Amino acid sequence: MAEVEIKRTNFFDGEFLKQGEFLDLDAYHMHMRRRLLFVLFDKSGVIQAGPTDLAVEVANAAQKQIRIKAGLAIGKRPDLAEAKEIVVRDDRLIDLNTQNLQPGDTGIVTVHYDELFTDPSSEGGVLGNTRVKEQAVVTVHKNTLPGPNAPNNEPFVRLGNVAFNNLALDITQRQVAFLQVSLLASSPTISVSPNQVTAGLTVPLTVTSSPGFNLSALTAAQVVITPNTGITNVVVSNLATNSATVTITLAANAPAGPRTMTITVNNVAAQTTFSVQGGLALANFQGVDEPNNDLLFKINGSGFQTPVVIQFTKFGGGLTPTVPLAVTAQNTSPNQILIPMAQIPADAITGPVTVTSGNQTVVSGFNVVPPAIITAVPAQAQTQTNINITGSRFTGTTTITLPGNLVRATNSVPPFPAPGFGESLTDVLIVVRLISNTGANARVRVTTPGGTVLSPNFLSVT
C-alpha cells in the first residue's frame, strides 16, 4: 500500500465545507501524530512506562484464568510510515478454558489495534455513525501465531506465553518498544561490574546501560571485546531493559591488561572497559618489620581479589591447615596480601600456605615462616648477666638486638649462642648474655626469617 499522502485542509471565506474537508483535517493530524510515533520507537511493542504495563499474570490457577494489566503498546506500520497506539484502559480477565486450548498447549497472548464505527447519529433520517472507536484486541493463540499481522493487517504485539497445564508464564518472547537510541540527546553509555577479572576463570559481568539503550534483545554477536586474546567464550543472559549478564571465559594464560567491551544496539555503539589480571599465583613472602612500624606480614603473587582466605600450616605437621583467615579488602591488592601480625594464627608454624581467591585455590611452593612472638623480657637486668626472652617461634636464623644496639647473631662476636656464656636457643626460650652499656634502655628486637618483632616492654640495663 502506498504511503498516506500528506496534506491538510486549507480554509478560506466563502468555502462551503463538506464531509471530505473535515475528514482530510482529521486524517492529517492523525497521520502526523502516528508518523512521529513511527520515528520515535524502534519497533512494535509495549511502551513499558511501569513494571506492570500490559503484564500477563496468573489471576486464578485453579480456574485457569489470567489477567492482562492495563497499559499502552504501539503497532508499527512501515507501509504507512505510522505507528498506532494500542491502549488497554483497564485490566482484562481471560478464561483460558474458553480459548480452545488442550492439555499440553501453550497460549500465545497478543494485542493489536482495531477500530470500528459506533454511536449512530441522533439526527432523524440521517444515516451514519458519529464516532470511530479505537480499541485494543487481546487474543490468545494456540501454540503458534497465524502470522505477524492480524486479519486487519495490524501487527500483533506479543505479551507473553502461558502453559495451559500449569499456567506457567514465559515472557522471553514479550515485545517491548524503546525510543530510538539515535534520538537521545546524549550518547549512550554502559558500565560493567566487576571491572577486574582473573585469567583462568569463567566470570559473569553485569552490564548496565543508560536509558534508551535497550539490552533486552542482546546477543553474543553484538558484544565485541578487544583485545580478545585468551577469551574463549562469550554468553549473554538475564536480559532486561537496561541490564544484561555477559559471561566470559578466560584461558589460564589470558594476557593481563585492559580490555574494551563494545556493545552495538540498532547500529549505535557504547563502550566500557575492564581489566584482566593474571591467574592466582604465589611468589614469596615478606616478614613483618615492627621496628619501622610495619606490622603487616606480606604474601606476594598475582591474581589476588577479594574475598581472600589464607590458611597457614599448623602444629601437627604435614599440610594440616589452621583456621581460615579472611583478609579484608583494604589489605588486598592484585599482587600482594597484607596480614596484620596480630591476626596470624598462634598455632601457625613454618610451612606452605593455602590461598583461596577469585574461586581459585593454590598452595604455595615455598615455606612461609610466621613471625616470632615475644611474650616477656625482664624490665631490668645487670650488664654481663644472662636474661630470658620467652615467647614462641624462635626458629631458624635468629638475631637478638639488645639495648645499646648490641647485635647478637650467628656471625657476631662472640657468636650467638655462646655455650661459654650459658646461652641457648629453643623454639620458646632465648637465653642471651646482656653485654650492654649501663643505662641503656630499649625494647629487645628478635629477628627470624618471619621478620623483626619488638618486646612488649623496655629493658633497662643497670
Protein backbone atom coordinates (compact mmCIF):
# COMPACT_ATOMS: atom_id res chain seq x y z
CA MET A 1 0.00 0.00 0.00
CA ALA A 2 1.30 3.45 -0.86
CA GLU A 3 2.13 5.82 1.96
CA VAL A 4 -0.72 8.11 3.02
CA GLU A 5 -0.46 11.42 1.16
CA ILE A 6 0.40 14.29 3.49
CA LYS A 7 -1.96 17.24 3.09
CA ARG A 8 -4.09 19.42 5.29
CA THR A 9 -7.28 21.39 4.73
CA ASN A 10 -6.98 24.97 3.51
CA PHE A 11 -9.87 27.09 4.85
CA PHE A 12 -10.99 30.35 3.23
CA ASP A 13 -14.02 32.65 3.39
CA GLY A 14 -16.89 31.65 1.20
CA GLU A 15 -15.92 27.99 1.10
CA PHE A 16 -18.76 25.53 1.55
CA LEU A 17 -17.35 22.81 3.86
CA LYS A 18 -18.43 19.26 3.29
CA GLN A 19 -17.62 15.91 4.93
CA GLY A 20 -14.42 15.43 2.93
CA GLU A 21 -12.81 18.64 4.26
CA PHE A 22 -13.31 17.56 7.85
CA LEU A 23 -12.11 14.04 7.13
CA ASP A 24 -8.96 15.40 5.49
CA LEU A 25 -8.27 17.60 8.51
CA ASP A 26 -8.72 14.65 10.86
CA ALA A 27 -6.54 12.41 8.69
CA TYR A 28 -3.74 14.99 8.60
CA HIS A 29 -3.47 15.36 12.38
CA MET A 30 -3.88 11.63 12.97
CA HIS A 31 -1.22 10.72 10.42
CA MET A 32 1.32 13.27 11.69
CA ARG A 33 0.91 12.01 15.26
CA ARG A 34 1.33 8.40 14.16
CA ARG A 35 4.25 9.33 11.92
CA LEU A 36 6.04 10.86 14.92
CA LEU A 37 5.50 7.67 16.93
CA PHE A 38 6.85 5.68 13.98
CA VAL A 39 10.11 7.66 14.14
CA LEU A 40 10.38 7.72 17.93
CA PHE A 41 10.21 3.99 18.63
CA ASP A 42 12.37 1.15 17.40
CA LYS A 43 9.67 -1.46 16.77
CA SER A 44 6.17 -2.67 17.61
CA GLY A 45 5.88 -3.44 21.30
CA VAL A 46 4.76 -2.48 24.77
CA ILE A 47 5.62 1.05 25.93
CA GLN A 48 6.83 -0.09 29.32
CA ALA A 49 6.45 3.07 31.41
CA GLY A 50 5.88 0.96 34.53
CA PRO A 51 6.72 -2.63 35.55
CA THR A 52 3.11 -3.86 35.22
CA ASP A 53 2.18 -2.22 31.91
CA LEU A 54 0.45 -4.88 29.78
CA ALA A 55 1.94 -7.56 32.02
CA VAL A 56 0.47 -11.07 31.92
CA GLU A 57 -0.19 -12.57 35.36
CA VAL A 58 -1.99 -15.55 36.81
CA ALA A 59 -5.33 -14.50 38.26
CA ASN A 60 -6.69 -17.90 39.34
CA ALA A 61 -4.64 -21.03 38.67
CA ALA A 62 -7.40 -23.42 39.70
CA GLN A 63 -9.86 -21.88 37.24
CA LYS A 64 -7.17 -21.28 34.59
CA GLN A 65 -7.65 -17.55 34.49
CA ILE A 66 -5.03 -14.99 33.53
CA ARG A 67 -5.07 -11.21 33.78
CA ILE A 68 -3.73 -8.67 31.30
CA LYS A 69 -2.79 -5.46 33.08
CA ALA A 70 -3.70 -2.08 31.63
CA GLY A 71 -1.11 -0.31 29.52
CA LEU A 72 -0.01 1.07 26.17
CA ALA A 73 1.61 -0.54 23.15
CA ILE A 74 2.29 0.61 19.60
CA GLY A 75 1.98 -1.24 16.33
CA LYS A 76 4.37 -0.02 13.62
CA ARG A 77 3.16 0.02 10.02
CA PRO A 78 6.13 0.52 7.67
CA ASP A 79 3.76 0.54 4.69
CA LEU A 80 2.06 3.65 6.11
CA ALA A 81 5.05 5.16 7.94
CA GLU A 82 2.81 5.13 11.02
CA ALA A 83 2.75 3.62 14.50
CA LYS A 84 -0.69 3.27 16.06
CA GLU A 85 -1.38 3.49 19.77
CA ILE A 86 -2.88 0.34 21.29
CA VAL A 87 -4.49 1.26 24.61
CA VAL A 88 -5.77 -1.27 27.16
CA ARG A 89 -7.63 1.04 29.54
CA ASP A 90 -8.50 -1.49 32.26
CA ASP A 91 -7.22 -4.87 33.38
CA ARG A 92 -8.73 -7.74 31.42
CA LEU A 93 -9.53 -11.17 32.81
CA ILE A 94 -9.25 -14.07 30.36
CA ASP A 95 -10.58 -17.58 30.99
CA LEU A 96 -8.27 -19.99 29.16
CA ASN A 97 -10.99 -22.66 29.25
CA THR A 98 -12.76 -20.65 26.54
CA GLN A 99 -9.71 -20.35 24.28
CA ASN A 100 -9.81 -23.79 22.61
CA LEU A 101 -6.67 -24.89 24.44
CA GLN A 102 -5.99 -28.52 25.29
CA PRO A 103 -3.63 -30.12 27.86
CA GLY A 104 -0.07 -29.58 26.69
CA ASP A 105 -0.92 -26.48 24.64
CA THR A 106 0.72 -23.10 25.02
CA GLY A 107 -1.29 -19.90 24.76
CA ILE A 108 0.47 -17.02 22.99
CA VAL A 109 -1.03 -13.77 24.28
CA THR A 110 -1.07 -10.83 21.86
CA VAL A 111 -2.67 -7.43 21.48
CA HIS A 112 -3.33 -5.50 18.26
CA TYR A 113 -5.02 -2.33 17.09
CA ASP A 114 -8.53 -2.28 15.67
CA GLU A 115 -11.27 0.27 15.10
CA LEU A 116 -14.97 0.29 14.37
CA PHE A 117 -17.69 2.85 13.70
CA THR A 118 -20.09 3.42 16.58
CA ASP A 119 -22.66 5.84 18.07
CA PRO A 120 -25.32 6.34 15.34
CA SER A 121 -26.34 9.90 14.56
CA SER A 122 -29.17 11.31 16.65
CA GLU A 123 -30.45 13.38 13.71
CA GLY A 124 -33.67 12.00 12.37
CA GLY A 125 -33.33 10.33 8.99
CA VAL A 126 -29.53 10.73 8.98
CA LEU A 127 -27.58 7.53 8.47
CA GLY A 128 -24.05 7.16 9.80
CA ASN A 129 -22.07 6.79 12.99
CA THR A 130 -20.60 9.75 14.83
CA ARG A 131 -17.54 8.08 16.33
CA VAL A 132 -14.63 5.84 15.34
CA LYS A 133 -13.81 3.61 18.29
CA GLU A 134 -10.12 2.73 18.63
CA GLN A 135 -9.72 -0.49 20.55
CA ALA A 136 -7.11 -2.98 21.71
CA VAL A 137 -7.88 -6.58 20.79
CA VAL A 138 -6.33 -9.14 23.14
CA THR A 139 -6.08 -12.63 21.64
CA VAL A 140 -4.79 -15.97 22.96
CA HIS A 141 -3.39 -18.06 20.09
CA LYS A 142 -2.96 -21.82 20.30
CA ASN A 143 0.74 -22.80 20.12
CA THR A 144 1.68 -20.63 17.14
CA LEU A 145 0.78 -17.27 15.64
CA PRO A 146 -1.12 -17.32 12.34
CA GLY A 147 1.35 -14.72 11.09
CA PRO A 148 2.91 -11.39 12.10
CA ASN A 149 -0.29 -9.45 11.48
CA ALA A 150 -3.96 -9.69 12.40
CA PRO A 151 -6.62 -10.01 9.64
CA ASN A 152 -6.89 -6.18 9.53
CA ASN A 153 -3.14 -6.07 8.69
CA GLU A 154 -2.26 -4.52 12.06
CA PRO A 155 0.80 -6.14 13.70
CA PHE A 156 0.44 -8.47 16.65
CA VAL A 157 2.33 -7.34 19.78
CA ARG A 158 3.33 -10.36 21.85
CA LEU A 159 2.77 -10.03 25.61
CA GLY A 160 3.93 -13.49 26.71
CA ASN A 161 3.18 -17.20 26.68
CA VAL A 162 1.21 -19.24 29.18
CA ALA A 163 1.18 -23.05 29.55
CA PHE A 164 -2.35 -24.38 29.75
CA ASN A 165 -1.41 -27.26 32.09
CA ASN A 166 0.10 -25.31 34.99
CA LEU A 167 -0.28 -21.66 33.91
CA ALA A 168 3.50 -21.22 33.89
CA LEU A 169 4.31 -17.85 32.32
CA ASP A 170 7.10 -17.21 29.80
CA ILE A 171 7.86 -13.58 28.89
CA THR A 172 11.05 -14.21 26.93
CA GLN A 173 9.15 -13.50 23.68
CA ARG A 174 7.46 -10.36 25.05
CA GLN A 175 7.83 -7.42 22.66
CA VAL A 176 8.89 -4.11 24.22
CA ALA A 177 9.36 -0.90 22.21
CA PHE A 178 12.05 1.63 23.13
CA LEU A 179 13.00 5.08 21.98
CA GLN A 180 15.42 5.03 19.08
CA VAL A 181 18.92 5.32 20.55
CA SER A 182 19.98 7.73 17.80
CA LEU A 183 17.37 10.24 19.01
CA LEU A 184 18.78 10.55 22.52
CA ALA A 185 20.24 13.92 23.48
CA SER A 186 23.46 12.33 24.75
CA SER A 187 25.50 9.36 23.65
CA PRO A 188 24.51 6.06 25.29
CA THR A 189 26.77 4.66 27.97
CA ILE A 190 27.36 1.26 29.53
CA SER A 191 29.22 0.12 32.63
CA VAL A 192 30.39 -3.29 33.74
CA SER A 193 30.77 -4.91 37.15
CA PRO A 194 33.12 -6.29 38.29
CA ASN A 195 35.64 -4.31 36.24
CA GLN A 196 38.53 -6.62 37.09
CA VAL A 197 38.60 -10.34 36.26
CA THR A 198 41.14 -13.11 36.68
CA ALA A 199 42.61 -15.34 33.98
CA GLY A 200 41.60 -19.00 34.12
CA LEU A 201 38.04 -18.34 35.27
CA THR A 202 34.53 -18.06 33.83
CA VAL A 203 33.26 -14.70 35.07
CA PRO A 204 29.72 -13.24 34.85
CA LEU A 205 29.85 -9.50 34.15
CA THR A 206 26.80 -7.35 34.85
CA VAL A 207 26.39 -4.74 32.11
CA THR A 208 24.21 -1.70 32.85
CA SER A 209 23.17 0.77 30.16
CA SER A 210 21.85 4.31 30.13
CA PRO A 211 18.12 4.85 29.40
CA GLY A 212 17.16 4.18 25.80
CA PHE A 213 19.99 1.75 25.11
CA ASN A 214 17.91 -1.41 25.02
CA LEU A 215 19.72 -4.59 26.08
CA SER A 216 16.63 -6.82 26.20
CA ALA A 217 17.40 -8.50 22.86
CA LEU A 218 21.19 -8.52 23.18
CA THR A 219 23.10 -11.37 21.52
CA ALA A 220 26.68 -12.52 21.94
CA ALA A 221 27.40 -11.33 18.39
CA GLN A 222 26.68 -7.76 19.50
CA VAL A 223 29.38 -7.94 22.19
CA VAL A 224 32.92 -7.31 20.98
CA ILE A 225 35.90 -7.40 23.37
CA THR A 226 39.26 -6.07 22.26
CA PRO A 227 41.81 -7.38 22.50
CA ASN A 228 40.08 -10.75 22.67
CA THR A 229 43.24 -12.79 23.25
CA GLY A 230 42.57 -15.52 25.81
CA ILE A 231 38.78 -15.04 25.80
CA THR A 232 37.43 -18.39 24.70
CA ASN A 233 33.67 -17.90 25.08
CA VAL A 234 31.03 -15.16 25.49
CA VAL A 235 27.45 -15.87 26.62
CA VAL A 236 24.66 -13.35 27.28
CA SER A 237 21.79 -13.95 29.73
CA ASN A 238 19.47 -12.25 32.22
CA LEU A 239 18.36 -9.78 29.57
CA ALA A 240 16.41 -6.74 30.78
CA THR A 241 15.70 -3.25 29.54
CA ASN A 242 18.89 -1.63 30.80
CA SER A 243 20.93 -4.56 32.09
CA ALA A 244 22.30 -7.91 30.97
CA THR A 245 24.80 -10.52 32.07
CA VAL A 246 27.77 -11.11 29.78
CA THR A 247 29.65 -14.22 30.93
CA ILE A 248 33.19 -14.51 29.61
CA THR A 249 35.53 -17.48 29.86
CA LEU A 250 39.24 -16.67 30.09
CA ALA A 251 42.06 -19.08 29.38
CA ALA A 252 44.62 -19.61 32.13
CA ASN A 253 47.22 -17.83 30.00
CA ALA A 254 44.99 -14.89 29.06
CA PRO A 255 47.24 -11.81 28.98
CA ALA A 256 46.81 -9.33 31.79
CA GLY A 257 45.82 -5.78 30.93
CA PRO A 258 42.88 -3.54 29.99
CA ARG A 259 40.10 -4.70 27.66
CA THR A 260 37.41 -2.70 25.85
CA MET A 261 33.86 -4.04 25.61
CA THR A 262 31.77 -2.62 22.75
CA ILE A 263 28.04 -3.33 22.56
CA THR A 264 26.12 -2.32 19.43
CA VAL A 265 22.34 -1.80 19.53
CA ASN A 266 20.44 -0.60 16.46
CA ASN A 267 23.73 0.38 14.80
CA VAL A 268 24.68 2.58 17.77
CA ALA A 269 27.68 1.51 19.87
CA ALA A 270 28.55 2.09 23.52
CA GLN A 271 31.83 1.16 25.19
CA THR A 272 33.22 0.41 28.62
CA THR A 273 36.47 -1.05 29.92
CA PHE A 274 37.56 -3.74 32.34
CA SER A 275 40.90 -5.35 33.11
CA VAL A 276 42.25 -8.88 33.17
CA GLN A 277 44.74 -9.86 35.83
CA GLY A 278 46.93 -12.93 35.81
CA GLY A 279 45.69 -16.17 37.32
CA LEU A 280 46.19 -16.78 41.03
CA ALA A 281 49.88 -17.43 41.77
CA LEU A 282 52.09 -17.18 44.86
CA ALA A 283 55.64 -15.80 44.54
CA ASN A 284 57.12 -15.27 48.02
CA PHE A 285 56.52 -13.71 51.40
CA GLN A 286 57.97 -10.86 53.39
CA GLY A 287 58.17 -10.91 57.18
CA VAL A 288 56.96 -8.14 59.47
CA ASP A 289 59.22 -5.19 60.23
CA GLU A 290 57.92 -3.95 63.55
CA PRO A 291 60.76 -1.51 64.34
CA ASN A 292 59.66 0.50 61.29
CA ASN A 293 56.03 0.34 62.44
CA ASP A 294 55.25 -2.06 59.60
CA LEU A 295 53.11 -4.65 61.36
CA LEU A 296 51.99 -6.36 58.16
CA PHE A 297 53.01 -9.84 57.07
CA LYS A 298 53.09 -9.86 53.25
CA ILE A 299 52.44 -12.60 50.69
CA ASN A 300 53.35 -11.59 47.13
CA GLY A 301 52.00 -13.04 43.90
CA SER A 302 49.32 -12.25 41.32
CA GLY A 303 45.61 -12.64 40.72
CA PHE A 304 44.55 -11.67 44.26
CA GLN A 305 40.99 -10.38 44.54
CA THR A 306 38.61 -10.22 47.45
CA PRO A 307 37.47 -12.25 49.21
CA VAL A 308 40.87 -13.74 50.08
CA VAL A 309 41.23 -16.56 52.61
CA ILE A 310 44.60 -17.71 54.00
CA GLN A 311 45.36 -20.96 55.81
CA PHE A 312 48.76 -21.46 57.42
CA THR A 313 50.39 -24.77 58.29
CA LYS A 314 49.73 -25.55 61.94
CA PHE A 315 51.16 -27.75 64.66
CA GLY A 316 50.77 -31.39 63.75
CA GLY A 317 52.92 -31.31 60.65
CA GLY A 318 52.00 -32.11 57.06
CA LEU A 319 49.66 -29.65 55.37
CA THR A 320 47.11 -29.62 58.17
CA PRO A 321 45.77 -26.06 57.88
CA THR A 322 44.96 -23.54 60.55
CA VAL A 323 41.53 -22.00 60.87
CA PRO A 324 40.84 -19.97 57.69
CA LEU A 325 41.88 -16.33 57.99
CA ALA A 326 39.80 -13.88 55.92
CA VAL A 327 41.78 -10.89 54.68
CA THR A 328 39.97 -7.56 54.45
CA ALA A 329 39.51 -5.79 51.10
CA GLN A 330 41.72 -2.86 52.12
CA ASN A 331 44.58 -5.30 52.73
CA THR A 332 44.28 -6.93 49.31
CA SER A 333 45.77 -5.69 46.04
CA PRO A 334 46.19 -7.66 42.79
CA ASN A 335 49.82 -8.50 43.66
CA GLN A 336 50.03 -8.51 47.44
CA ILE A 337 48.14 -9.69 50.51
CA LEU A 338 48.80 -7.83 53.76
CA ILE A 339 48.13 -9.70 57.00
CA PRO A 340 48.32 -7.84 60.34
CA MET A 341 50.73 -9.67 62.59
CA ALA A 342 48.14 -9.87 65.35
CA GLN A 343 45.85 -11.90 63.06
CA ILE A 344 48.35 -14.63 62.23
CA PRO A 345 47.11 -17.79 63.99
CA ALA A 346 49.00 -18.56 67.19
CA ASP A 347 49.40 -22.22 66.16
CA ALA A 348 50.92 -21.38 62.77
CA ILE A 349 54.31 -22.92 62.07
CA THR A 350 56.75 -22.80 59.17
CA GLY A 351 55.28 -24.44 56.07
CA PRO A 352 53.23 -23.81 52.92
CA VAL A 353 50.18 -21.57 52.97
CA THR A 354 46.89 -22.20 51.14
CA VAL A 355 45.36 -19.14 49.46
CA THR A 356 41.81 -19.03 48.12
CA SER A 357 40.89 -16.06 45.93
CA GLY A 358 38.57 -15.49 43.00
CA ASN A 359 37.22 -19.07 43.12
CA GLN A 360 40.77 -20.43 42.80
CA THR A 361 42.82 -22.18 45.49
CA VAL A 362 46.59 -22.67 45.37
CA VAL A 363 49.19 -23.96 47.84
CA SER A 364 52.50 -22.13 47.97
CA GLY A 365 55.53 -23.89 46.56
CA PHE A 366 57.63 -22.23 49.23
CA ASN A 367 57.52 -22.30 53.01
CA VAL A 368 56.14 -19.36 54.90
CA VAL A 369 57.75 -18.51 58.23
CA PRO A 370 55.37 -16.85 60.71
CA PRO A 371 56.97 -14.07 62.77
CA ALA A 372 58.21 -14.76 66.28
CA ILE A 373 56.11 -13.83 69.28
CA ILE A 374 57.81 -12.24 72.33
CA THR A 375 55.75 -12.68 75.46
CA ALA A 376 58.18 -11.40 78.11
CA VAL A 377 61.61 -9.90 78.79
CA PRO A 378 62.80 -8.60 82.14
CA ALA A 379 62.19 -4.93 82.78
CA GLN A 380 65.65 -4.51 84.35
CA ALA A 381 68.88 -6.51 84.35
CA GLN A 382 72.58 -6.03 85.07
CA THR A 383 75.18 -5.92 82.35
CA GLN A 384 77.24 -9.08 81.82
CA THR A 385 74.36 -11.28 83.04
CA ASN A 386 72.07 -13.63 81.15
CA ILE A 387 68.40 -12.78 80.52
CA ASN A 388 65.49 -14.98 79.44
CA ILE A 389 63.34 -13.98 76.48
CA THR A 390 60.19 -16.08 76.38
CA GLY A 391 57.76 -16.49 73.52
CA SER A 392 57.37 -18.77 70.56
CA ARG A 393 58.58 -19.39 67.01
CA PHE A 394 62.24 -18.57 67.83
CA THR A 395 63.32 -20.79 64.94
CA GLY A 396 65.79 -20.64 62.08
CA THR A 397 68.40 -17.90 61.97
CA THR A 398 67.68 -15.73 64.99
CA THR A 399 69.24 -12.35 65.74
CA ILE A 400 68.74 -10.55 69.05
CA THR A 401 69.30 -6.80 69.29
CA LEU A 402 69.76 -5.71 72.90
CA PRO A 403 69.68 -2.22 74.44
CA GLY A 404 72.60 -0.17 73.20
CA ASN A 405 72.09 -1.66 69.73
CA LEU A 406 74.23 -4.65 70.55
CA VAL A 407 73.53 -7.33 67.94
CA ARG A 408 73.89 -11.00 68.90
CA ALA A 409 73.73 -13.36 65.92
CA THR A 410 75.46 -16.38 64.38
CA ASN A 411 78.22 -14.19 62.94
CA SER A 412 78.55 -11.77 65.88
CA VAL A 413 81.49 -11.58 68.22
CA PRO A 414 81.10 -13.61 70.25
CA PRO A 415 78.73 -15.67 68.06
CA PHE A 416 75.27 -16.45 69.40
CA PRO A 417 74.55 -18.71 71.15
CA ALA A 418 77.86 -18.92 73.03
CA PRO A 419 77.92 -22.04 75.22
CA GLY A 420 80.66 -20.49 77.35
CA PHE A 421 78.20 -17.77 78.35
CA GLY A 422 75.45 -20.29 79.04
CA GLU A 423 73.41 -19.00 76.09
CA SER A 424 70.83 -21.18 74.36
CA LEU A 425 68.06 -21.05 71.78
CA THR A 426 64.86 -23.08 71.63
CA ASP A 427 61.54 -22.51 69.94
CA VAL A 428 60.08 -20.91 73.08
CA LEU A 429 63.09 -19.58 75.03
CA ILE A 430 66.15 -17.44 74.30
CA VAL A 431 68.89 -17.25 76.91
CA VAL A 432 71.34 -14.48 75.97
CA ARG A 433 74.19 -12.59 77.71
CA LEU A 434 73.40 -8.92 78.27
CA ILE A 435 76.52 -7.12 77.05
CA SER A 436 75.35 -3.52 77.06
CA ASN A 437 76.33 -0.19 78.45
CA THR A 438 74.91 0.70 81.81
CA GLY A 439 71.94 2.99 81.44
CA ALA A 440 70.84 1.68 78.04
CA ASN A 441 67.06 1.41 77.86
CA ALA A 442 65.22 -0.03 74.85
CA ARG A 443 62.94 -2.74 73.62
CA VAL A 444 64.54 -6.05 72.66
CA ARG A 445 64.38 -6.93 68.96
CA VAL A 446 64.15 -10.53 67.75
CA THR A 447 64.65 -11.19 64.04
CA THR A 448 63.77 -14.52 62.40
CA PRO A 449 63.01 -15.39 58.76
CA GLY A 450 59.46 -14.32 59.61
CA GLY A 451 60.55 -10.74 60.28
CA THR A 452 61.57 -8.49 63.14
CA VAL A 453 59.45 -8.02 66.23
CA LEU A 454 59.82 -6.00 69.43
CA SER A 455 59.37 -6.96 73.04
CA PRO A 456 56.22 -5.63 74.66
CA ASN A 457 58.24 -3.73 77.29
CA PHE A 458 61.55 -1.88 77.66
CA LEU A 459 64.64 -3.45 79.18
CA SER A 460 66.77 -1.18 81.31
CA VAL A 461 70.47 -2.07 81.80
CA THR A 462 71.97 -1.31 85.21
